[in-house]
Every structure is written in structure tokens, then in C-alpha cells.
Amino acid sequence: MSVELHIFLQDSRLPSRDAWQQAIAQLSFPAVLESSLDLRKDTGFVPTTYKGQSTGFEFYLESAADILSSYPHISLKAGSCDMCATFRWGGDLTECAAALSAAAALTAIAQGIYYDPEADTIFDANEAVEATRHELGEIDGSIE
């Protein structure tokens, strides 16, 4: 079973890998993205480390309209966002923690909208960071 998260953002606010990594570090999330990651070109599996352990998640950058067609009830909340970053992972908790960390930091740096379709929850940047800190606290206890 895979799990997905969608981060809706303005294309003009898409950061570089280094700026994204800096946001992850500033938020004190223990994830490190592969140094050669190019958000505009790379899709699929993104090698990442979480607390020094090798892991990763799938990453896709798509048109927001393509994703919103599956979730029309959140269109108003996504506002003028024209891009969507999708994070996908399997049942591994380390993958989950890395993806959640990266997704929350991307939401923060891009001032995006964080959408969890499984729970049907929408967060702004601050809410995404707080929810992720809470979830990581639960996950980290399970993977240590």
C-alpha cells in the first residue's frame, strides 16, 4: 500500500534543492535530500537519509489542475496554486518520516497548501510543520 501527500504551490515559489534542504534543517527535521536532486527534472524515487539511515520516497511535480481534478472539493483552498508536488511512500516508517519532513519543509518554504487525501486534511504552512512534528514524535519512537 502506498501513501500520498500533495503540496500545492506557485511555480514561482518552487525552491532549489539547496534552499529546500536549508528549510528542512532550519525546521530541525533530520532528513537530508540527495545532493543532485533537481526538482524540475527529477521524478520518481528520491534517495534521502533520515537520522543517518538511507531511505527515500517518490516525488513528482505536476500541474495542480491535474491533481485537483481528483479532489475538486479542495480547489478553493488551493487557490491560485499552479503546481503540485506529490510525495509517495510505502509502509516503511523511515520512508514516511523522510517524506513528511520534506513535504512540511516544502510547504513552509513555498508557503504552499499541504493536503493529505487519506485523512482529507488541509494545512497551511505553519499547521503542516506542527502536524509533522507531532507525527515524527510518534514515528521516531517506533523506528529507534
N, C-alpha and C. Protein backbone atom coordinates (compact mmCIF):
# COMPACT_ATOMS: atom_id res chain seq x y z
N MET A 1 0.84 -1.18 0.00
CA MET A 1 0.00 0.00 0.00
C MET A 1 0.89 1.25 0.00
N SER A 2 0.57 2.20 -0.84
CA SER A 2 1.30 3.47 -0.83
C SER A 2 0.44 4.56 -0.20
N VAL A 3 1.15 5.52 0.32
CA VAL A 3 0.53 6.69 0.92
C VAL A 3 1.01 7.90 0.14
N GLU A 4 0.12 8.87 -0.04
CA GLU A 4 0.47 10.09 -0.79
C GLU A 4 0.14 11.34 0.00
N LEU A 5 0.92 12.36 -0.26
CA LEU A 5 0.66 13.73 0.21
C LEU A 5 0.81 14.63 -1.00
N HIS A 6 0.05 15.71 -1.03
CA HIS A 6 0.15 16.68 -2.12
C HIS A 6 0.43 18.05 -1.53
N ILE A 7 1.41 18.73 -2.09
CA ILE A 7 1.73 20.09 -1.68
C ILE A 7 1.44 20.99 -2.88
N PHE A 8 0.44 21.85 -2.74
CA PHE A 8 0.07 22.78 -3.79
C PHE A 8 0.83 24.08 -3.57
N LEU A 9 1.42 24.61 -4.66
CA LEU A 9 2.24 25.80 -4.55
C LEU A 9 2.26 26.55 -5.87
N GLN A 10 2.78 27.76 -5.81
CA GLN A 10 3.01 28.54 -7.01
C GLN A 10 4.32 28.10 -7.64
N ASP A 11 4.32 27.93 -8.94
CA ASP A 11 5.54 27.55 -9.65
C ASP A 11 6.68 28.52 -9.34
N SER A 12 6.37 29.78 -9.21
CA SER A 12 7.40 30.79 -8.95
C SER A 12 8.02 30.65 -7.56
N ARG A 13 7.39 29.87 -6.67
CA ARG A 13 7.92 29.68 -5.32
C ARG A 13 8.64 28.34 -5.15
N LEU A 14 8.76 27.58 -6.22
CA LEU A 14 9.46 26.30 -6.14
C LEU A 14 10.93 26.57 -5.84
N PRO A 15 11.44 26.05 -4.73
CA PRO A 15 12.83 26.35 -4.35
C PRO A 15 13.83 25.44 -5.07
N SER A 16 15.07 25.79 -4.97
CA SER A 16 16.14 24.89 -5.40
C SER A 16 16.26 23.78 -4.36
N ARG A 17 16.99 22.74 -4.68
CA ARG A 17 17.22 21.66 -3.73
C ARG A 17 17.93 22.20 -2.49
N ASP A 18 18.92 23.09 -2.70
CA ASP A 18 19.68 23.61 -1.56
C ASP A 18 18.82 24.46 -0.64
N ALA A 19 17.95 25.29 -1.21
CA ALA A 19 17.05 26.10 -0.38
C ALA A 19 16.07 25.21 0.37
N TRP A 20 15.59 24.17 -0.28
CA TRP A 20 14.68 23.22 0.35
C TRP A 20 15.39 22.51 1.49
N GLN A 21 16.62 22.06 1.25
CA GLN A 21 17.38 21.39 2.29
C GLN A 21 17.63 22.32 3.47
N GLN A 22 17.91 23.58 3.18
CA GLN A 22 18.11 24.55 4.25
C GLN A 22 16.85 24.71 5.09
N ALA A 23 15.69 24.71 4.44
CA ALA A 23 14.42 24.81 5.17
C ALA A 23 14.21 23.58 6.05
N ILE A 24 14.55 22.40 5.54
CA ILE A 24 14.44 21.17 6.33
C ILE A 24 15.31 21.29 7.58
N ALA A 25 16.54 21.75 7.40
CA ALA A 25 17.46 21.89 8.53
C ALA A 25 16.98 22.96 9.52
N GLN A 26 16.51 24.08 9.01
CA GLN A 26 16.04 25.15 9.90
C GLN A 26 14.85 24.72 10.74
N LEU A 27 14.06 23.80 10.20
CA LEU A 27 12.91 23.29 10.95
C LEU A 27 13.31 22.14 11.89
N SER A 28 14.60 21.81 11.89
CA SER A 28 15.17 20.74 12.73
C SER A 28 14.62 19.36 12.38
N PHE A 29 14.29 19.14 11.11
CA PHE A 29 13.90 17.81 10.67
C PHE A 29 15.18 17.08 10.25
N PRO A 30 15.38 15.83 10.70
CA PRO A 30 16.63 15.12 10.44
C PRO A 30 16.67 14.38 9.09
N ALA A 31 16.22 15.05 8.04
CA ALA A 31 16.23 14.45 6.70
C ALA A 31 17.23 15.19 5.82
N VAL A 32 17.90 14.46 4.95
CA VAL A 32 18.84 15.05 4.00
C VAL A 32 18.50 14.51 2.61
N LEU A 33 18.16 15.42 1.71
CA LEU A 33 17.84 15.07 0.33
C LEU A 33 19.11 14.80 -0.47
N GLU A 34 19.01 13.94 -1.47
CA GLU A 34 20.13 13.68 -2.36
C GLU A 34 20.63 15.01 -2.94
N SER A 35 21.94 15.20 -2.90
CA SER A 35 22.52 16.50 -3.29
C SER A 35 22.31 16.85 -4.76
N SER A 36 22.12 15.87 -5.62
CA SER A 36 21.95 16.16 -7.05
C SER A 36 20.49 16.35 -7.47
N LEU A 37 19.57 16.33 -6.52
CA LEU A 37 18.15 16.45 -6.84
C LEU A 37 17.84 17.75 -7.57
N ASP A 38 17.13 17.63 -8.68
CA ASP A 38 16.64 18.77 -9.45
C ASP A 38 15.12 18.66 -9.46
N LEU A 39 14.45 19.52 -8.71
CA LEU A 39 13.01 19.42 -8.54
C LEU A 39 12.24 19.52 -9.85
N ARG A 40 12.75 20.26 -10.80
CA ARG A 40 12.05 20.43 -12.07
C ARG A 40 12.26 19.28 -13.04
N LYS A 41 13.32 18.51 -12.86
CA LYS A 41 13.64 17.45 -13.81
C LYS A 41 13.48 16.04 -13.25
N ASP A 42 13.76 15.86 -11.98
CA ASP A 42 13.78 14.52 -11.41
C ASP A 42 12.39 14.11 -10.91
N THR A 43 11.99 12.91 -11.27
CA THR A 43 10.74 12.34 -10.77
C THR A 43 11.02 10.91 -10.33
N GLY A 44 10.15 10.40 -9.52
CA GLY A 44 10.32 9.05 -9.03
C GLY A 44 11.05 9.04 -7.70
N PHE A 45 11.82 8.00 -7.47
CA PHE A 45 12.45 7.79 -6.17
C PHE A 45 13.54 8.83 -5.90
N VAL A 46 13.46 9.45 -4.73
CA VAL A 46 14.46 10.42 -4.28
C VAL A 46 15.21 9.82 -3.09
N PRO A 47 16.47 9.41 -3.30
CA PRO A 47 17.25 8.91 -2.17
C PRO A 47 17.40 10.01 -1.11
N THR A 48 17.20 9.62 0.12
CA THR A 48 17.22 10.54 1.25
C THR A 48 17.81 9.80 2.44
N THR A 49 18.34 10.54 3.38
CA THR A 49 18.69 9.91 4.65
C THR A 49 17.81 10.53 5.73
N TYR A 50 17.48 9.73 6.69
CA TYR A 50 16.70 10.20 7.84
C TYR A 50 17.40 9.69 9.08
N LYS A 51 17.88 10.63 9.89
CA LYS A 51 18.67 10.30 11.07
C LYS A 51 19.85 9.40 10.68
N GLY A 52 20.45 9.70 9.54
CA GLY A 52 21.61 8.98 9.07
C GLY A 52 21.33 7.65 8.39
N GLN A 53 20.07 7.24 8.36
CA GLN A 53 19.69 5.96 7.76
C GLN A 53 19.24 6.19 6.31
N SER A 54 19.77 5.40 5.38
CA SER A 54 19.39 5.52 3.97
C SER A 54 17.93 5.13 3.78
N THR A 55 17.21 5.97 3.05
CA THR A 55 15.80 5.74 2.78
C THR A 55 15.43 6.56 1.55
N GLY A 56 14.20 6.90 1.40
CA GLY A 56 13.77 7.74 0.30
C GLY A 56 12.26 7.67 0.12
N PHE A 57 11.79 8.39 -0.88
CA PHE A 57 10.38 8.45 -1.19
C PHE A 57 10.25 8.83 -2.65
N GLU A 58 9.05 8.67 -3.20
CA GLU A 58 8.80 9.09 -4.57
C GLU A 58 8.36 10.55 -4.56
N PHE A 59 8.79 11.29 -5.60
CA PHE A 59 8.48 12.70 -5.72
C PHE A 59 8.09 13.00 -7.16
N TYR A 60 6.98 13.70 -7.33
CA TYR A 60 6.50 14.09 -8.65
C TYR A 60 6.05 15.54 -8.60
N LEU A 61 6.41 16.31 -9.60
CA LEU A 61 5.97 17.70 -9.73
C LEU A 61 5.05 17.75 -10.94
N GLU A 62 3.82 18.17 -10.71
CA GLU A 62 2.80 18.15 -11.76
C GLU A 62 1.98 19.43 -11.73
N SER A 63 1.15 19.56 -12.72
CA SER A 63 0.19 20.66 -12.76
C SER A 63 -0.81 20.49 -11.63
N ALA A 64 -1.10 21.55 -10.90
CA ALA A 64 -2.09 21.48 -9.83
C ALA A 64 -3.45 21.08 -10.38
N ALA A 65 -3.80 21.57 -11.56
CA ALA A 65 -5.10 21.25 -12.16
C ALA A 65 -5.26 19.75 -12.35
N ASP A 66 -4.18 19.06 -12.72
CA ASP A 66 -4.26 17.61 -12.92
C ASP A 66 -4.62 16.90 -11.62
N ILE A 67 -4.04 17.31 -10.53
CA ILE A 67 -4.30 16.67 -9.24
C ILE A 67 -5.66 17.11 -8.68
N LEU A 68 -5.96 18.39 -8.82
CA LEU A 68 -7.23 18.90 -8.29
C LEU A 68 -8.44 18.29 -8.98
N SER A 69 -8.26 17.77 -10.18
CA SER A 69 -9.39 17.12 -10.85
C SER A 69 -9.86 15.90 -10.06
N SER A 70 -8.97 15.31 -9.27
CA SER A 70 -9.33 14.17 -8.41
C SER A 70 -9.89 14.61 -7.06
N TYR A 71 -9.65 15.86 -6.69
CA TYR A 71 -10.08 16.39 -5.38
C TYR A 71 -10.75 17.75 -5.56
N PRO A 72 -11.85 17.83 -6.30
CA PRO A 72 -12.45 19.14 -6.59
C PRO A 72 -12.90 19.89 -5.33
N HIS A 73 -13.15 19.17 -4.26
CA HIS A 73 -13.62 19.82 -3.03
C HIS A 73 -12.56 20.70 -2.36
N ILE A 74 -11.29 20.58 -2.77
CA ILE A 74 -10.26 21.43 -2.17
C ILE A 74 -9.79 22.53 -3.12
N SER A 75 -10.40 22.62 -4.28
CA SER A 75 -9.96 23.61 -5.28
C SER A 75 -9.92 25.03 -4.73
N LEU A 76 -10.93 25.42 -3.97
CA LEU A 76 -10.94 26.78 -3.42
C LEU A 76 -9.79 27.01 -2.45
N LYS A 77 -9.48 26.00 -1.67
CA LYS A 77 -8.38 26.13 -0.70
C LYS A 77 -7.02 26.21 -1.41
N ALA A 78 -6.89 25.51 -2.53
CA ALA A 78 -5.63 25.54 -3.28
C ALA A 78 -5.45 26.87 -3.98
N GLY A 79 -6.53 27.63 -4.09
CA GLY A 79 -6.45 28.99 -4.62
C GLY A 79 -5.76 29.08 -5.97
N SER A 80 -4.77 29.94 -6.04
CA SER A 80 -4.09 30.19 -7.31
C SER A 80 -2.85 29.31 -7.51
N CYS A 81 -2.71 28.26 -6.72
CA CYS A 81 -1.57 27.36 -6.88
C CYS A 81 -1.63 26.70 -8.26
N ASP A 82 -0.51 26.72 -8.95
CA ASP A 82 -0.49 26.14 -10.29
C ASP A 82 0.35 24.87 -10.38
N MET A 83 1.04 24.50 -9.31
CA MET A 83 1.85 23.29 -9.29
C MET A 83 1.48 22.44 -8.07
N CYS A 84 1.78 21.14 -8.21
CA CYS A 84 1.57 20.23 -7.10
C CYS A 84 2.76 19.29 -7.00
N ALA A 85 3.34 19.22 -5.83
CA ALA A 85 4.40 18.26 -5.54
C ALA A 85 3.75 17.09 -4.80
N THR A 86 3.88 15.91 -5.37
CA THR A 86 3.30 14.72 -4.76
C THR A 86 4.42 13.89 -4.15
N PHE A 87 4.21 13.47 -2.92
CA PHE A 87 5.13 12.61 -2.18
C PHE A 87 4.43 11.27 -2.00
N ARG A 88 5.13 10.17 -2.28
CA ARG A 88 4.55 8.83 -2.16
C ARG A 88 5.57 7.91 -1.52
N TRP A 89 5.09 7.05 -0.64
CA TRP A 89 5.97 6.07 0.01
C TRP A 89 5.15 4.84 0.38
N GLY A 90 5.87 3.77 0.71
CA GLY A 90 5.23 2.52 1.13
C GLY A 90 5.05 2.49 2.63
N GLY A 91 5.01 1.29 3.19
CA GLY A 91 4.72 1.14 4.60
C GLY A 91 5.89 1.33 5.54
N ASP A 92 7.08 1.60 5.02
CA ASP A 92 8.27 1.76 5.84
C ASP A 92 8.20 3.09 6.61
N LEU A 93 8.37 3.03 7.92
CA LEU A 93 8.25 4.23 8.75
C LEU A 93 9.37 5.24 8.51
N THR A 94 10.55 4.77 8.14
CA THR A 94 11.65 5.69 7.85
C THR A 94 11.36 6.46 6.57
N GLU A 95 10.81 5.78 5.56
CA GLU A 95 10.38 6.46 4.34
C GLU A 95 9.33 7.51 4.67
N CYS A 96 8.38 7.12 5.49
CA CYS A 96 7.31 8.02 5.90
C CYS A 96 7.87 9.26 6.58
N ALA A 97 8.77 9.07 7.51
CA ALA A 97 9.36 10.20 8.25
C ALA A 97 10.13 11.13 7.32
N ALA A 98 10.88 10.57 6.39
CA ALA A 98 11.64 11.39 5.43
C ALA A 98 10.69 12.18 4.54
N ALA A 99 9.65 11.52 4.04
CA ALA A 99 8.68 12.20 3.17
C ALA A 99 7.92 13.29 3.92
N LEU A 100 7.48 12.99 5.12
CA LEU A 100 6.76 14.00 5.91
C LEU A 100 7.63 15.23 6.18
N SER A 101 8.90 14.99 6.54
CA SER A 101 9.83 16.08 6.80
C SER A 101 10.01 16.95 5.57
N ALA A 102 10.26 16.31 4.44
CA ALA A 102 10.48 17.04 3.20
C ALA A 102 9.23 17.79 2.76
N ALA A 103 8.07 17.16 2.89
CA ALA A 103 6.81 17.78 2.48
C ALA A 103 6.48 19.00 3.34
N ALA A 104 6.65 18.88 4.64
CA ALA A 104 6.35 20.02 5.52
C ALA A 104 7.30 21.18 5.25
N ALA A 105 8.58 20.87 5.04
CA ALA A 105 9.55 21.94 4.76
C ALA A 105 9.26 22.60 3.42
N LEU A 106 8.85 21.82 2.41
CA LEU A 106 8.49 22.41 1.12
C LEU A 106 7.26 23.30 1.27
N THR A 107 6.29 22.86 2.04
CA THR A 107 5.10 23.67 2.29
C THR A 107 5.51 24.99 2.94
N ALA A 108 6.41 24.93 3.90
CA ALA A 108 6.85 26.14 4.62
C ALA A 108 7.60 27.10 3.71
N ILE A 109 8.60 26.60 2.98
CA ILE A 109 9.42 27.50 2.17
C ILE A 109 8.64 28.08 0.99
N ALA A 110 7.68 27.31 0.47
CA ALA A 110 6.90 27.78 -0.69
C ALA A 110 5.59 28.44 -0.29
N GLN A 111 5.31 28.47 1.03
CA GLN A 111 4.03 28.97 1.52
C GLN A 111 2.89 28.28 0.78
N GLY A 112 3.00 26.95 0.73
CA GLY A 112 2.04 26.15 -0.01
C GLY A 112 0.88 25.66 0.85
N ILE A 113 0.12 24.78 0.25
CA ILE A 113 -1.02 24.13 0.90
C ILE A 113 -0.72 22.63 0.94
N TYR A 114 -0.77 22.04 2.11
CA TYR A 114 -0.45 20.64 2.37
C TYR A 114 -1.76 19.87 2.42
N TYR A 115 -1.90 18.87 1.56
CA TYR A 115 -3.14 18.09 1.53
C TYR A 115 -2.84 16.61 1.70
N ASP A 116 -3.47 16.01 2.70
CA ASP A 116 -3.39 14.57 2.96
C ASP A 116 -4.71 13.96 2.53
N PRO A 117 -4.75 13.31 1.34
CA PRO A 117 -6.02 12.78 0.86
C PRO A 117 -6.57 11.63 1.70
N GLU A 118 -5.70 10.87 2.35
CA GLU A 118 -6.18 9.74 3.17
C GLU A 118 -7.01 10.24 4.34
N ALA A 119 -6.53 11.29 5.01
CA ALA A 119 -7.26 11.87 6.14
C ALA A 119 -8.18 13.01 5.70
N ASP A 120 -8.06 13.42 4.43
CA ASP A 120 -8.79 14.56 3.88
C ASP A 120 -8.58 15.81 4.73
N THR A 121 -7.30 16.07 5.04
CA THR A 121 -6.94 17.25 5.82
C THR A 121 -6.11 18.20 4.98
N ILE A 122 -6.34 19.48 5.21
CA ILE A 122 -5.62 20.53 4.51
C ILE A 122 -4.97 21.41 5.57
N PHE A 123 -3.66 21.68 5.38
CA PHE A 123 -2.93 22.52 6.31
C PHE A 123 -2.25 23.66 5.57
N ASP A 124 -2.16 24.81 6.23
CA ASP A 124 -1.28 25.86 5.71
C ASP A 124 0.14 25.50 6.18
N ALA A 125 1.09 26.35 5.87
CA ALA A 125 2.49 26.04 6.17
C ALA A 125 2.74 25.80 7.66
N ASN A 126 2.26 26.70 8.51
CA ASN A 126 2.50 26.55 9.95
C ASN A 126 1.84 25.30 10.51
N GLU A 127 0.62 25.02 10.08
CA GLU A 127 -0.09 23.83 10.54
C GLU A 127 0.61 22.56 10.08
N ALA A 128 1.14 22.58 8.84
CA ALA A 128 1.85 21.41 8.31
C ALA A 128 3.09 21.10 9.14
N VAL A 129 3.83 22.14 9.50
CA VAL A 129 5.04 21.94 10.30
C VAL A 129 4.68 21.38 11.67
N GLU A 130 3.68 21.95 12.32
CA GLU A 130 3.29 21.46 13.65
C GLU A 130 2.76 20.03 13.59
N ALA A 131 1.93 19.71 12.60
CA ALA A 131 1.40 18.35 12.47
C ALA A 131 2.53 17.37 12.21
N THR A 132 3.50 17.77 11.40
CA THR A 132 4.64 16.90 11.10
C THR A 132 5.48 16.67 12.34
N ARG A 133 5.72 17.70 13.12
CA ARG A 133 6.49 17.50 14.37
C ARG A 133 5.79 16.48 15.27
N HIS A 134 4.49 16.59 15.35
CA HIS A 134 3.72 15.65 16.17
C HIS A 134 3.85 14.22 15.61
N GLU A 135 3.66 14.07 14.30
CA GLU A 135 3.75 12.75 13.68
C GLU A 135 5.16 12.16 13.80
N LEU A 136 6.17 12.98 13.61
CA LEU A 136 7.55 12.49 13.73
C LEU A 136 7.85 12.03 15.16
N GLY A 137 7.28 12.69 16.14
CA GLY A 137 7.46 12.26 17.52
C GLY A 137 6.94 10.85 17.73
N GLU A 138 5.81 10.54 17.10
CA GLU A 138 5.24 9.19 17.20
C GLU A 138 6.06 8.19 16.39
N ILE A 139 6.46 8.57 15.18
CA ILE A 139 7.21 7.67 14.31
C ILE A 139 8.59 7.38 14.87
N ASP A 140 9.29 8.42 15.31
CA ASP A 140 10.67 8.25 15.79
C ASP A 140 10.74 7.27 16.95
N GLY A 141 9.73 7.25 17.78
CA GLY A 141 9.70 6.28 18.88
C GLY A 141 9.61 4.85 18.38
N SER A 142 9.03 4.67 17.20
CA SER A 142 8.86 3.33 16.63
C SER A 142 10.07 2.83 15.86
N ILE A 143 10.87 3.78 15.30
CA ILE A 143 11.98 3.34 14.45
C ILE A 143 13.32 3.39 15.15
N GLU A 144 13.38 3.89 16.37
CA GLU A 144 14.67 3.97 17.06
C GLU A 144 15.02 2.67 17.75
